[in-house]
Amino acid sequence: MKLIIILADAEIELVPVIEETKDEELEAVQSMHSIPVLDAFFHHDLIKKLPESTRRGRGDIVHNCLSLCQNSIPNRKNILRVYVHTRDDKVITIEPGMEISPNYIKFLNDIGALLKGGAVPGYSLSNKTLRELVNELGADLVIAMHPQGEERPLKGLFESRSSGTVLAIVGAFPEGDYKSPVIKMAEMSISLGPRMMRAPEVISEILQSTPKVLTDKK
């Protein structure tokens, strides 16, 4: 079995320009630690002026999830591929051997350079919707992680798929629901239990549920 994880509708984007923002305010925002990516902590005053302000600027969610994925046994055994789909329909592809910087500021600067069109080792950028990405990957099974989905253990599902590719879609946002039509494009919607789980927790459950017989292979 091969595993693909897509961090969907991720709240990671460049610092936007707001027309009514004064030049000196915008300069102060953009110069804050030279961080080009919108962040709910560093740019909290700017975010208040944006639509959907309570869910934007959460690159930390992406950083935590990617760190878990890239440091996982499935990734080291070359059975995992990871993609980030952003709110702006940009897709960030992470090379399997890429080590995510543990420094969050460096991570934001790397992603900022990438989103601005620069070349960043280990990452590549394209423009496509989530549906286009899912269709392009052509997985044998597409599942959507959703709190209102069918409650069932992932381990049994994965073990029943000894061959082929399973694609798991995980929402990389702090509140609300998917903006993309995820449920419609997935073959099944799965919940991990009655308690609302954060994206990194869901990622951990997915990685730990990968069949041991696969991760034991050299």
N, C-alpha and C. Protein backbone atom coordinates (compact mmCIF):
# COMPACT_ATOMS: atom_id res chain seq x y z
N MET A 1 0.82 -1.19 0.00
CA MET A 1 0.00 0.00 0.00
C MET A 1 0.86 1.25 0.00
N LYS A 2 0.51 2.21 -0.80
CA LYS A 2 1.11 3.53 -0.77
C LYS A 2 0.11 4.48 -0.12
N LEU A 3 0.62 5.47 0.58
CA LEU A 3 -0.23 6.43 1.28
C LEU A 3 0.07 7.84 0.79
N ILE A 4 -0.99 8.57 0.47
CA ILE A 4 -0.88 9.98 0.12
C ILE A 4 -1.69 10.78 1.13
N ILE A 5 -1.10 11.84 1.63
CA ILE A 5 -1.83 12.75 2.53
C ILE A 5 -1.88 14.12 1.89
N ILE A 6 -3.08 14.68 1.83
CA ILE A 6 -3.26 16.05 1.35
C ILE A 6 -3.76 16.90 2.50
N LEU A 7 -3.01 17.94 2.82
CA LEU A 7 -3.48 18.94 3.79
C LEU A 7 -4.32 19.93 3.00
N ALA A 8 -5.63 19.83 3.15
CA ALA A 8 -6.55 20.54 2.26
C ALA A 8 -7.02 21.88 2.84
N ASP A 9 -7.24 22.84 1.92
CA ASP A 9 -7.73 24.17 2.28
C ASP A 9 -6.87 24.78 3.38
N ALA A 10 -5.58 24.54 3.28
CA ALA A 10 -4.65 25.01 4.30
C ALA A 10 -4.65 26.54 4.38
N GLU A 11 -4.67 27.03 5.59
CA GLU A 11 -4.69 28.47 5.81
C GLU A 11 -3.27 29.01 5.85
N ILE A 12 -2.64 28.96 4.69
CA ILE A 12 -1.28 29.47 4.56
C ILE A 12 -1.22 30.28 3.27
N GLU A 13 -0.80 31.53 3.37
CA GLU A 13 -0.84 32.47 2.24
C GLU A 13 0.13 33.61 2.49
N LEU A 14 0.46 34.34 1.44
CA LEU A 14 1.28 35.53 1.59
C LEU A 14 0.50 36.61 2.33
N VAL A 15 1.22 37.51 2.98
CA VAL A 15 0.56 38.64 3.64
C VAL A 15 -0.16 39.46 2.57
N PRO A 16 -1.48 39.58 2.67
CA PRO A 16 -2.23 40.31 1.65
C PRO A 16 -2.09 41.82 1.80
N VAL A 17 -2.34 42.52 0.72
CA VAL A 17 -2.33 43.97 0.74
C VAL A 17 -3.77 44.46 0.85
N ILE A 18 -4.05 45.25 1.86
CA ILE A 18 -5.38 45.80 2.07
C ILE A 18 -5.35 47.26 1.65
N GLU A 19 -6.23 47.63 0.74
CA GLU A 19 -6.19 48.97 0.16
C GLU A 19 -6.28 50.07 1.19
N GLU A 20 -7.13 49.89 2.22
CA GLU A 20 -7.32 50.96 3.19
C GLU A 20 -6.23 51.01 4.25
N THR A 21 -5.31 50.04 4.20
CA THR A 21 -4.23 50.04 5.17
C THR A 21 -3.23 51.16 4.83
N LYS A 22 -2.87 51.94 5.83
CA LYS A 22 -1.93 53.02 5.62
C LYS A 22 -0.55 52.44 5.26
N ASP A 23 0.20 53.19 4.47
CA ASP A 23 1.50 52.71 4.01
C ASP A 23 2.41 52.33 5.18
N GLU A 24 2.42 53.17 6.22
CA GLU A 24 3.31 52.89 7.35
C GLU A 24 2.85 51.65 8.12
N GLU A 25 1.52 51.39 8.15
CA GLU A 25 1.01 50.20 8.83
C GLU A 25 1.38 48.95 8.04
N LEU A 26 1.25 49.03 6.72
CA LEU A 26 1.58 47.89 5.88
C LEU A 26 3.07 47.59 5.96
N GLU A 27 3.89 48.65 5.96
CA GLU A 27 5.33 48.45 6.06
C GLU A 27 5.70 47.78 7.38
N ALA A 28 5.02 48.19 8.45
CA ALA A 28 5.29 47.59 9.75
C ALA A 28 4.90 46.12 9.77
N VAL A 29 3.77 45.80 9.14
CA VAL A 29 3.31 44.41 9.09
C VAL A 29 4.28 43.55 8.30
N GLN A 30 4.67 44.03 7.12
CA GLN A 30 5.51 43.23 6.25
C GLN A 30 6.94 43.09 6.77
N SER A 31 7.36 44.04 7.61
CA SER A 31 8.72 43.98 8.14
C SER A 31 8.80 43.20 9.45
N MET A 32 7.66 42.81 9.98
CA MET A 32 7.64 42.06 11.23
C MET A 32 8.43 40.77 11.09
N HIS A 33 9.65 40.81 11.62
CA HIS A 33 10.54 39.64 11.53
C HIS A 33 10.76 39.20 10.08
N SER A 34 10.49 40.09 9.13
CA SER A 34 10.64 39.78 7.70
C SER A 34 9.83 38.55 7.30
N ILE A 35 8.68 38.36 7.92
CA ILE A 35 7.85 37.19 7.65
C ILE A 35 6.88 37.51 6.52
N PRO A 36 7.01 36.86 5.36
CA PRO A 36 6.14 37.16 4.22
C PRO A 36 4.81 36.42 4.24
N VAL A 37 4.69 35.42 5.11
CA VAL A 37 3.48 34.58 5.16
C VAL A 37 2.59 35.04 6.31
N LEU A 38 1.31 35.18 6.02
CA LEU A 38 0.35 35.64 7.02
C LEU A 38 0.34 34.69 8.22
N ASP A 39 0.44 35.27 9.41
CA ASP A 39 0.45 34.47 10.63
C ASP A 39 -0.43 35.12 11.67
N ALA A 40 -1.26 34.31 12.32
CA ALA A 40 -2.25 34.83 13.26
C ALA A 40 -1.63 35.51 14.48
N PHE A 41 -0.41 35.15 14.82
CA PHE A 41 0.26 35.77 15.96
C PHE A 41 0.99 37.04 15.53
N PHE A 42 1.83 36.93 14.53
CA PHE A 42 2.65 38.07 14.12
C PHE A 42 1.84 39.17 13.44
N HIS A 43 0.77 38.79 12.75
CA HIS A 43 -0.01 39.76 11.98
C HIS A 43 -1.44 39.89 12.50
N HIS A 44 -1.61 39.78 13.80
CA HIS A 44 -2.98 39.73 14.36
C HIS A 44 -3.79 41.00 14.06
N ASP A 45 -3.14 42.16 14.04
CA ASP A 45 -3.88 43.40 13.76
C ASP A 45 -4.38 43.43 12.31
N LEU A 46 -3.56 42.94 11.39
CA LEU A 46 -3.96 42.90 9.99
C LEU A 46 -5.06 41.87 9.76
N ILE A 47 -4.94 40.73 10.39
CA ILE A 47 -5.90 39.64 10.19
C ILE A 47 -7.31 40.06 10.61
N LYS A 48 -7.41 40.92 11.61
CA LYS A 48 -8.72 41.39 12.06
C LYS A 48 -9.50 42.08 10.94
N LYS A 49 -8.79 42.61 9.94
CA LYS A 49 -9.43 43.33 8.84
C LYS A 49 -9.81 42.42 7.68
N LEU A 50 -9.47 41.14 7.78
CA LEU A 50 -9.69 40.20 6.68
C LEU A 50 -10.97 39.40 6.86
N PRO A 51 -11.61 39.00 5.75
CA PRO A 51 -12.75 38.08 5.85
C PRO A 51 -12.28 36.75 6.45
N GLU A 52 -13.15 36.07 7.16
CA GLU A 52 -12.83 34.78 7.78
C GLU A 52 -11.58 34.89 8.64
N SER A 53 -11.47 35.98 9.37
CA SER A 53 -10.25 36.27 10.12
C SER A 53 -9.92 35.22 11.18
N THR A 54 -10.91 34.54 11.72
CA THR A 54 -10.65 33.60 12.80
C THR A 54 -10.03 32.28 12.33
N ARG A 55 -9.96 32.06 11.02
CA ARG A 55 -9.36 30.81 10.56
C ARG A 55 -8.11 31.04 9.71
N ARG A 56 -7.75 32.28 9.46
CA ARG A 56 -6.62 32.55 8.57
C ARG A 56 -5.31 32.74 9.34
N GLY A 57 -4.22 32.65 8.58
CA GLY A 57 -2.90 32.83 9.18
C GLY A 57 -2.46 31.69 10.06
N ARG A 58 -2.72 30.46 9.66
CA ARG A 58 -2.39 29.30 10.48
C ARG A 58 -1.37 28.39 9.81
N GLY A 59 -0.26 29.00 9.43
CA GLY A 59 0.84 28.21 8.89
C GLY A 59 1.41 27.23 9.90
N ASP A 60 1.17 27.49 11.20
CA ASP A 60 1.65 26.58 12.23
C ASP A 60 1.03 25.20 12.10
N ILE A 61 -0.23 25.15 11.66
CA ILE A 61 -0.89 23.85 11.46
C ILE A 61 -0.16 23.06 10.37
N VAL A 62 0.13 23.73 9.28
CA VAL A 62 0.84 23.07 8.18
C VAL A 62 2.23 22.63 8.63
N HIS A 63 2.92 23.50 9.35
CA HIS A 63 4.27 23.18 9.82
C HIS A 63 4.27 21.95 10.72
N ASN A 64 3.35 21.90 11.66
CA ASN A 64 3.27 20.75 12.57
C ASN A 64 2.95 19.46 11.83
N CYS A 65 2.00 19.54 10.90
CA CYS A 65 1.61 18.34 10.15
C CYS A 65 2.73 17.84 9.25
N LEU A 66 3.39 18.74 8.57
CA LEU A 66 4.49 18.34 7.68
C LEU A 66 5.66 17.76 8.48
N SER A 67 5.92 18.33 9.64
CA SER A 67 7.00 17.82 10.47
C SER A 67 6.72 16.37 10.88
N LEU A 68 5.47 16.09 11.24
CA LEU A 68 5.09 14.73 11.60
C LEU A 68 5.24 13.79 10.41
N CYS A 69 4.76 14.21 9.26
CA CYS A 69 4.79 13.36 8.07
C CYS A 69 6.22 13.06 7.62
N GLN A 70 7.03 14.10 7.51
CA GLN A 70 8.37 13.92 6.96
C GLN A 70 9.30 13.18 7.90
N ASN A 71 9.00 13.20 9.18
CA ASN A 71 9.83 12.47 10.15
C ASN A 71 9.26 11.09 10.48
N SER A 72 8.23 10.68 9.76
CA SER A 72 7.56 9.42 10.08
C SER A 72 8.24 8.22 9.44
N ILE A 73 7.95 7.06 10.01
CA ILE A 73 8.47 5.81 9.44
C ILE A 73 7.93 5.58 8.03
N PRO A 74 6.61 5.79 7.76
CA PRO A 74 6.13 5.61 6.38
C PRO A 74 6.90 6.44 5.36
N ASN A 75 7.29 7.66 5.74
CA ASN A 75 8.06 8.47 4.80
C ASN A 75 9.46 7.91 4.61
N ARG A 76 10.07 7.48 5.70
CA ARG A 76 11.42 6.91 5.61
C ARG A 76 11.43 5.61 4.82
N LYS A 77 10.30 4.90 4.83
CA LYS A 77 10.18 3.65 4.07
C LYS A 77 9.69 3.89 2.64
N ASN A 78 9.54 5.16 2.27
CA ASN A 78 9.17 5.55 0.91
C ASN A 78 7.79 5.06 0.49
N ILE A 79 6.84 5.07 1.43
CA ILE A 79 5.47 4.71 1.05
C ILE A 79 4.51 5.90 1.25
N LEU A 80 5.07 7.08 1.52
CA LEU A 80 4.25 8.25 1.81
C LEU A 80 4.60 9.42 0.90
N ARG A 81 3.55 10.10 0.41
CA ARG A 81 3.72 11.35 -0.33
C ARG A 81 2.79 12.38 0.29
N VAL A 82 3.25 13.63 0.37
CA VAL A 82 2.48 14.66 1.06
C VAL A 82 2.34 15.90 0.17
N TYR A 83 1.13 16.47 0.17
CA TYR A 83 0.84 17.68 -0.60
C TYR A 83 0.08 18.65 0.29
N VAL A 84 0.28 19.94 0.04
CA VAL A 84 -0.48 20.98 0.73
C VAL A 84 -1.29 21.75 -0.29
N HIS A 85 -2.61 21.77 -0.10
CA HIS A 85 -3.49 22.55 -0.97
C HIS A 85 -3.96 23.75 -0.16
N THR A 86 -3.73 24.97 -0.68
CA THR A 86 -4.02 26.17 0.10
C THR A 86 -5.39 26.75 -0.24
N ARG A 87 -5.79 27.72 0.57
CA ARG A 87 -7.08 28.39 0.35
C ARG A 87 -7.13 29.09 -1.01
N ASP A 88 -5.98 29.40 -1.58
CA ASP A 88 -5.91 30.09 -2.86
C ASP A 88 -5.73 29.13 -4.04
N ASP A 89 -5.98 27.85 -3.82
CA ASP A 89 -5.82 26.82 -4.86
C ASP A 89 -4.41 26.77 -5.41
N LYS A 90 -3.45 26.84 -4.50
CA LYS A 90 -2.06 26.56 -4.83
C LYS A 90 -1.71 25.23 -4.20
N VAL A 91 -0.87 24.47 -4.87
CA VAL A 91 -0.49 23.16 -4.35
C VAL A 91 1.02 23.13 -4.13
N ILE A 92 1.40 22.83 -2.90
CA ILE A 92 2.81 22.69 -2.55
C ILE A 92 3.12 21.20 -2.46
N THR A 93 4.07 20.76 -3.26
CA THR A 93 4.50 19.37 -3.25
C THR A 93 5.78 19.26 -2.44
N ILE A 94 5.82 18.32 -1.52
CA ILE A 94 6.99 18.14 -0.67
C ILE A 94 7.73 16.89 -1.12
N GLU A 95 9.02 17.02 -1.42
CA GLU A 95 9.80 15.86 -1.82
C GLU A 95 9.90 14.88 -0.66
N PRO A 96 9.85 13.58 -0.95
CA PRO A 96 9.84 12.57 0.12
C PRO A 96 10.98 12.71 1.12
N GLY A 97 12.16 13.03 0.66
CA GLY A 97 13.30 13.11 1.57
C GLY A 97 13.50 14.47 2.21
N MET A 98 12.57 15.39 1.97
CA MET A 98 12.71 16.74 2.49
C MET A 98 12.56 16.76 4.01
N GLU A 99 13.51 17.42 4.67
CA GLU A 99 13.42 17.59 6.12
C GLU A 99 12.84 18.97 6.41
N ILE A 100 11.71 19.00 7.09
CA ILE A 100 11.06 20.26 7.43
C ILE A 100 11.84 20.95 8.54
N SER A 101 12.16 22.22 8.34
CA SER A 101 12.91 22.94 9.36
C SER A 101 12.11 22.98 10.66
N PRO A 102 12.75 22.66 11.79
CA PRO A 102 12.05 22.75 13.08
C PRO A 102 11.80 24.20 13.49
N ASN A 103 12.49 25.12 12.84
CA ASN A 103 12.32 26.54 13.14
C ASN A 103 11.13 27.08 12.34
N TYR A 104 10.09 27.48 13.04
CA TYR A 104 8.86 27.92 12.38
C TYR A 104 9.07 29.17 11.53
N ILE A 105 9.89 30.10 12.00
CA ILE A 105 10.14 31.32 11.23
C ILE A 105 10.84 30.99 9.93
N LYS A 106 11.82 30.11 9.96
CA LYS A 106 12.50 29.71 8.73
C LYS A 106 11.52 29.02 7.78
N PHE A 107 10.64 28.20 8.34
CA PHE A 107 9.64 27.53 7.51
C PHE A 107 8.76 28.56 6.80
N LEU A 108 8.29 29.57 7.53
CA LEU A 108 7.45 30.60 6.92
C LEU A 108 8.20 31.36 5.83
N ASN A 109 9.47 31.64 6.07
CA ASN A 109 10.26 32.34 5.06
C ASN A 109 10.47 31.48 3.82
N ASP A 110 10.68 30.19 4.02
CA ASP A 110 10.82 29.27 2.87
C ASP A 110 9.53 29.23 2.05
N ILE A 111 8.40 29.08 2.74
CA ILE A 111 7.11 29.02 2.05
C ILE A 111 6.81 30.35 1.38
N GLY A 112 7.17 31.44 2.03
CA GLY A 112 6.97 32.75 1.43
C GLY A 112 7.74 32.90 0.14
N ALA A 113 9.00 32.48 0.14
CA ALA A 113 9.81 32.54 -1.08
C ALA A 113 9.19 31.68 -2.17
N LEU A 114 8.69 30.51 -1.80
CA LEU A 114 8.06 29.62 -2.77
C LEU A 114 6.81 30.25 -3.37
N LEU A 115 5.94 30.81 -2.51
CA LEU A 115 4.69 31.41 -2.98
C LEU A 115 4.93 32.65 -3.84
N LYS A 116 6.10 33.26 -3.67
CA LYS A 116 6.45 34.42 -4.48
C LYS A 116 7.08 34.03 -5.82
N GLY A 117 7.20 32.72 -6.05
CA GLY A 117 7.72 32.24 -7.32
C GLY A 117 9.18 31.83 -7.29
N GLY A 118 9.78 31.83 -6.11
CA GLY A 118 11.17 31.45 -6.00
C GLY A 118 11.36 29.94 -5.95
N ALA A 119 12.61 29.53 -6.10
CA ALA A 119 12.96 28.11 -6.02
C ALA A 119 13.43 27.80 -4.60
N VAL A 120 12.78 26.84 -3.97
CA VAL A 120 13.14 26.44 -2.61
C VAL A 120 13.39 24.93 -2.62
N PRO A 121 14.59 24.50 -2.27
CA PRO A 121 14.91 23.06 -2.29
C PRO A 121 13.92 22.25 -1.46
N GLY A 122 13.44 21.16 -2.05
CA GLY A 122 12.53 20.27 -1.34
C GLY A 122 11.06 20.55 -1.56
N TYR A 123 10.76 21.72 -2.14
CA TYR A 123 9.37 22.10 -2.37
C TYR A 123 9.17 22.47 -3.85
N SER A 124 7.96 22.29 -4.33
CA SER A 124 7.58 22.80 -5.65
C SER A 124 6.15 23.30 -5.56
N LEU A 125 5.81 24.24 -6.45
CA LEU A 125 4.52 24.91 -6.39
C LEU A 125 3.80 24.84 -7.72
N SER A 126 2.48 24.63 -7.66
CA SER A 126 1.65 24.64 -8.87
C SER A 126 0.30 25.24 -8.51
N ASN A 127 -0.46 25.59 -9.53
CA ASN A 127 -1.79 26.16 -9.33
C ASN A 127 -2.84 25.15 -9.79
N LYS A 128 -3.64 24.67 -8.87
CA LYS A 128 -4.71 23.74 -9.23
C LYS A 128 -5.67 23.60 -8.05
N THR A 129 -6.90 23.25 -8.37
CA THR A 129 -7.89 23.03 -7.32
C THR A 129 -7.62 21.70 -6.63
N LEU A 130 -8.27 21.50 -5.51
CA LEU A 130 -8.12 20.23 -4.81
C LEU A 130 -8.63 19.08 -5.67
N ARG A 131 -9.75 19.30 -6.35
CA ARG A 131 -10.29 18.25 -7.21
C ARG A 131 -9.31 17.89 -8.32
N GLU A 132 -8.68 18.90 -8.92
CA GLU A 132 -7.70 18.63 -9.97
C GLU A 132 -6.53 17.82 -9.43
N LEU A 133 -6.10 18.14 -8.22
CA LEU A 133 -4.99 17.40 -7.61
C LEU A 133 -5.38 15.96 -7.35
N VAL A 134 -6.54 15.76 -6.76
CA VAL A 134 -7.00 14.40 -6.45
C VAL A 134 -7.12 13.58 -7.73
N ASN A 135 -7.71 14.16 -8.77
CA ASN A 135 -7.85 13.45 -10.04
C ASN A 135 -6.49 13.11 -10.63
N GLU A 136 -5.56 14.02 -10.52
CA GLU A 136 -4.22 13.81 -11.07
C GLU A 136 -3.48 12.68 -10.36
N LEU A 137 -3.68 12.56 -9.06
CA LEU A 137 -2.97 11.54 -8.29
C LEU A 137 -3.52 10.15 -8.53
N GLY A 138 -4.80 10.04 -8.88
CA GLY A 138 -5.39 8.76 -9.27
C GLY A 138 -5.28 7.66 -8.24
N ALA A 139 -5.58 7.96 -6.99
CA ALA A 139 -5.50 6.94 -5.93
C ALA A 139 -6.62 5.91 -6.08
N ASP A 140 -6.38 4.73 -5.54
CA ASP A 140 -7.39 3.66 -5.59
C ASP A 140 -8.52 3.90 -4.61
N LEU A 141 -8.23 4.62 -3.52
CA LEU A 141 -9.24 4.93 -2.53
C LEU A 141 -8.97 6.33 -2.00
N VAL A 142 -10.01 7.17 -1.99
CA VAL A 142 -9.90 8.53 -1.44
C VAL A 142 -10.79 8.62 -0.22
N ILE A 143 -10.20 8.96 0.91
CA ILE A 143 -10.98 9.12 2.14
C ILE A 143 -10.84 10.56 2.64
N ALA A 144 -11.92 11.06 3.22
CA ALA A 144 -11.92 12.40 3.80
C ALA A 144 -12.02 12.27 5.31
N MET A 145 -11.12 12.88 6.02
CA MET A 145 -11.19 12.88 7.47
C MET A 145 -12.14 14.01 7.88
N HIS A 146 -13.21 13.63 8.60
CA HIS A 146 -14.25 14.61 8.92
C HIS A 146 -14.92 14.19 10.22
N PRO A 147 -15.18 15.13 11.14
CA PRO A 147 -15.77 14.77 12.43
C PRO A 147 -17.16 14.17 12.33
N GLN A 148 -17.84 14.40 11.21
CA GLN A 148 -19.18 13.85 11.03
C GLN A 148 -19.19 12.61 10.14
N GLY A 149 -18.02 12.08 9.86
CA GLY A 149 -17.93 10.89 9.03
C GLY A 149 -18.24 9.62 9.81
N GLU A 150 -18.09 8.49 9.16
CA GLU A 150 -18.31 7.19 9.80
C GLU A 150 -17.18 6.92 10.78
N GLU A 151 -17.53 6.58 12.00
CA GLU A 151 -16.52 6.30 13.01
C GLU A 151 -15.99 4.88 12.82
N ARG A 152 -14.75 4.78 12.44
CA ARG A 152 -14.15 3.47 12.23
C ARG A 152 -12.63 3.58 12.34
N PRO A 153 -11.97 2.50 12.76
CA PRO A 153 -10.51 2.54 12.90
C PRO A 153 -9.83 2.51 11.53
N LEU A 154 -8.79 3.29 11.40
CA LEU A 154 -8.07 3.34 10.13
C LEU A 154 -7.21 2.10 9.90
N LYS A 155 -6.72 1.53 10.98
CA LYS A 155 -5.81 0.41 10.83
C LYS A 155 -6.44 -0.74 10.04
N GLY A 156 -7.68 -1.09 10.38
CA GLY A 156 -8.36 -2.17 9.66
C GLY A 156 -8.58 -1.82 8.20
N LEU A 157 -8.92 -0.57 7.94
CA LEU A 157 -9.12 -0.13 6.56
C LEU A 157 -7.83 -0.24 5.77
N PHE A 158 -6.74 0.22 6.35
CA PHE A 158 -5.45 0.19 5.66
C PHE A 158 -4.99 -1.26 5.43
N GLU A 159 -5.20 -2.10 6.43
CA GLU A 159 -4.76 -3.49 6.30
C GLU A 159 -5.52 -4.23 5.21
N SER A 160 -6.75 -3.77 4.93
CA SER A 160 -7.53 -4.41 3.86
C SER A 160 -7.06 -3.96 2.48
N ARG A 161 -6.18 -2.95 2.47
CA ARG A 161 -5.65 -2.42 1.21
C ARG A 161 -4.16 -2.75 1.13
N SER A 162 -3.85 -4.02 1.00
CA SER A 162 -2.45 -4.43 0.98
C SER A 162 -1.72 -3.96 -0.27
N SER A 163 -2.48 -3.60 -1.30
CA SER A 163 -1.89 -3.08 -2.52
C SER A 163 -2.67 -1.84 -2.93
N GLY A 164 -2.11 -1.09 -3.87
CA GLY A 164 -2.78 0.11 -4.32
C GLY A 164 -2.40 1.33 -3.49
N THR A 165 -3.09 2.43 -3.73
CA THR A 165 -2.78 3.70 -3.08
C THR A 165 -4.02 4.25 -2.38
N VAL A 166 -3.83 4.64 -1.13
CA VAL A 166 -4.89 5.28 -0.35
C VAL A 166 -4.54 6.76 -0.19
N LEU A 167 -5.50 7.62 -0.48
CA LEU A 167 -5.31 9.06 -0.35
C LEU A 167 -6.20 9.56 0.79
N ALA A 168 -5.59 10.19 1.78
CA ALA A 168 -6.33 10.72 2.92
C ALA A 168 -6.29 12.25 2.88
N ILE A 169 -7.46 12.86 2.93
CA ILE A 169 -7.57 14.32 2.92
C ILE A 169 -7.82 14.80 4.36
N VAL A 170 -6.98 15.71 4.81
CA VAL A 170 -7.09 16.25 6.17
C VAL A 170 -7.20 17.77 6.08
N GLY A 171 -8.16 18.34 6.78
CA GLY A 171 -8.33 19.78 6.77
C GLY A 171 -7.26 20.48 7.58
N ALA A 172 -6.54 21.43 6.96
CA ALA A 172 -5.46 22.15 7.65
C ALA A 172 -5.91 23.56 8.01
N PHE A 173 -6.98 23.64 8.77
CA PHE A 173 -7.54 24.92 9.21
C PHE A 173 -8.03 24.75 10.65
N PRO A 174 -8.14 25.85 11.41
CA PRO A 174 -8.44 25.73 12.84
C PRO A 174 -9.91 25.59 13.21
N GLU A 175 -10.81 26.00 12.30
CA GLU A 175 -12.24 25.93 12.62
C GLU A 175 -13.05 25.89 11.33
N GLY A 176 -14.34 25.57 11.47
CA GLY A 176 -15.20 25.52 10.30
C GLY A 176 -15.04 24.23 9.53
N ASP A 177 -15.46 24.26 8.28
CA ASP A 177 -15.45 23.06 7.45
C ASP A 177 -14.60 23.31 6.21
N TYR A 178 -14.44 22.26 5.40
CA TYR A 178 -13.71 22.40 4.15
C TYR A 178 -14.38 23.45 3.26
N LYS A 179 -13.58 24.24 2.56
CA LYS A 179 -14.11 25.16 1.57
C LYS A 179 -14.26 24.44 0.22
N SER A 180 -13.40 23.47 -0.02
CA SER A 180 -13.47 22.66 -1.24
C SER A 180 -14.51 21.55 -1.04
N PRO A 181 -15.09 21.03 -2.14
CA PRO A 181 -16.11 19.97 -2.03
C PRO A 181 -15.50 18.60 -1.72
N VAL A 182 -14.85 18.52 -0.57
CA VAL A 182 -14.09 17.32 -0.21
C VAL A 182 -14.97 16.09 -0.08
N ILE A 183 -16.09 16.22 0.60
CA ILE A 183 -16.95 15.06 0.83
C ILE A 183 -17.44 14.46 -0.48
N LYS A 184 -17.71 15.32 -1.45
CA LYS A 184 -18.20 14.85 -2.75
C LYS A 184 -17.13 14.09 -3.53
N MET A 185 -15.88 14.46 -3.35
CA MET A 185 -14.82 13.81 -4.13
C MET A 185 -14.23 12.59 -3.43
N ALA A 186 -14.61 12.36 -2.18
CA ALA A 186 -14.10 11.21 -1.45
C ALA A 186 -15.07 10.04 -1.53
N GLU A 187 -14.52 8.84 -1.50
CA GLU A 187 -15.35 7.64 -1.53
C GLU A 187 -15.94 7.33 -0.15
N MET A 188 -15.29 7.79 0.87
CA MET A 188 -15.83 7.63 2.22
C MET A 188 -15.31 8.73 3.11
N SER A 189 -16.13 9.08 4.10
CA SER A 189 -15.78 10.09 5.08
C SER A 189 -15.61 9.40 6.43
N ILE A 190 -14.48 9.65 7.09
CA ILE A 190 -14.15 8.91 8.30
C ILE A 190 -13.91 9.84 9.48
N SER A 191 -14.48 9.46 10.62
CA SER A 191 -14.25 10.15 11.88
C SER A 191 -13.44 9.23 12.79
N LEU A 192 -12.59 9.83 13.61
CA LEU A 192 -11.76 9.04 14.52
C LEU A 192 -12.34 8.98 15.92
N GLY A 193 -13.55 9.50 16.09
CA GLY A 193 -14.18 9.43 17.40
C GLY A 193 -14.99 10.68 17.70
N PRO A 194 -15.69 10.68 18.82
CA PRO A 194 -16.59 11.79 19.16
C PRO A 194 -15.88 13.08 19.52
N ARG A 195 -14.62 13.01 19.93
CA ARG A 195 -13.89 14.21 20.33
C ARG A 195 -13.31 14.91 19.10
N MET A 196 -13.52 16.23 19.02
CA MET A 196 -12.94 16.99 17.93
C MET A 196 -11.42 16.94 18.03
N MET A 197 -10.76 16.57 16.94
CA MET A 197 -9.31 16.42 16.95
C MET A 197 -8.66 17.48 16.06
N ARG A 198 -7.52 17.97 16.50
CA ARG A 198 -6.75 18.91 15.71
C ARG A 198 -6.06 18.18 14.56
N ALA A 199 -5.72 18.93 13.53
CA ALA A 199 -5.11 18.32 12.34
C ALA A 199 -3.87 17.49 12.67
N PRO A 200 -2.93 17.98 13.48
CA PRO A 200 -1.76 17.15 13.79
C PRO A 200 -2.12 15.84 14.48
N GLU A 201 -3.17 15.85 15.30
CA GLU A 201 -3.60 14.61 15.95
C GLU A 201 -4.13 13.62 14.91
N VAL A 202 -4.88 14.13 13.94
CA VAL A 202 -5.41 13.27 12.88
C VAL A 202 -4.26 12.69 12.06
N ILE A 203 -3.28 13.52 11.74
CA ILE A 203 -2.12 13.05 11.00
C ILE A 203 -1.40 11.94 11.76
N SER A 204 -1.23 12.12 13.06
CA SER A 204 -0.57 11.11 13.87
C SER A 204 -1.31 9.78 13.83
N GLU A 205 -2.64 9.84 13.90
CA GLU A 205 -3.44 8.62 13.85
C GLU A 205 -3.30 7.92 12.50
N ILE A 206 -3.28 8.71 11.44
CA ILE A 206 -3.12 8.13 10.10
C ILE A 206 -1.77 7.43 9.97
N LEU A 207 -0.72 8.11 10.40
CA LEU A 207 0.63 7.54 10.28
C LEU A 207 0.79 6.29 11.13
N GLN A 208 0.23 6.29 12.34
CA GLN A 208 0.35 5.14 13.22
C GLN A 208 -0.49 3.96 12.75
N SER A 209 -1.47 4.22 11.89
CA SER A 209 -2.35 3.16 11.40
C SER A 209 -1.81 2.47 10.17
N THR A 210 -0.71 2.98 9.63
CA THR A 210 -0.11 2.35 8.45
C THR A 210 0.31 0.93 8.81
N PRO A 211 -0.07 -0.06 8.00
CA PRO A 211 0.23 -1.46 8.33
C PRO A 211 1.70 -1.69 8.68
N LYS A 212 1.94 -2.33 9.81
CA LYS A 212 3.30 -2.57 10.28
C LYS A 212 4.09 -3.42 9.30
N VAL A 213 3.41 -4.31 8.59
CA VAL A 213 4.12 -5.17 7.65
C VAL A 213 4.80 -4.35 6.56
N LEU A 214 4.23 -3.18 6.26
CA LEU A 214 4.83 -2.30 5.23
C LEU A 214 5.99 -1.51 5.80
N THR A 215 5.81 -0.96 7.01
CA THR A 215 6.85 -0.13 7.59
C THR A 215 8.02 -0.95 8.08
N ASP A 216 7.85 -2.27 8.23
CA ASP A 216 8.95 -3.14 8.64
C ASP A 216 9.87 -3.46 7.47
N LYS A 217 9.40 -3.24 6.25
CA LYS A 217 10.20 -3.58 5.08
C LYS A 217 11.40 -2.65 4.97
N LYS A 218 12.51 -3.21 4.55
CA LYS A 218 13.73 -2.41 4.39
C LYS A 218 13.65 -1.61 3.10
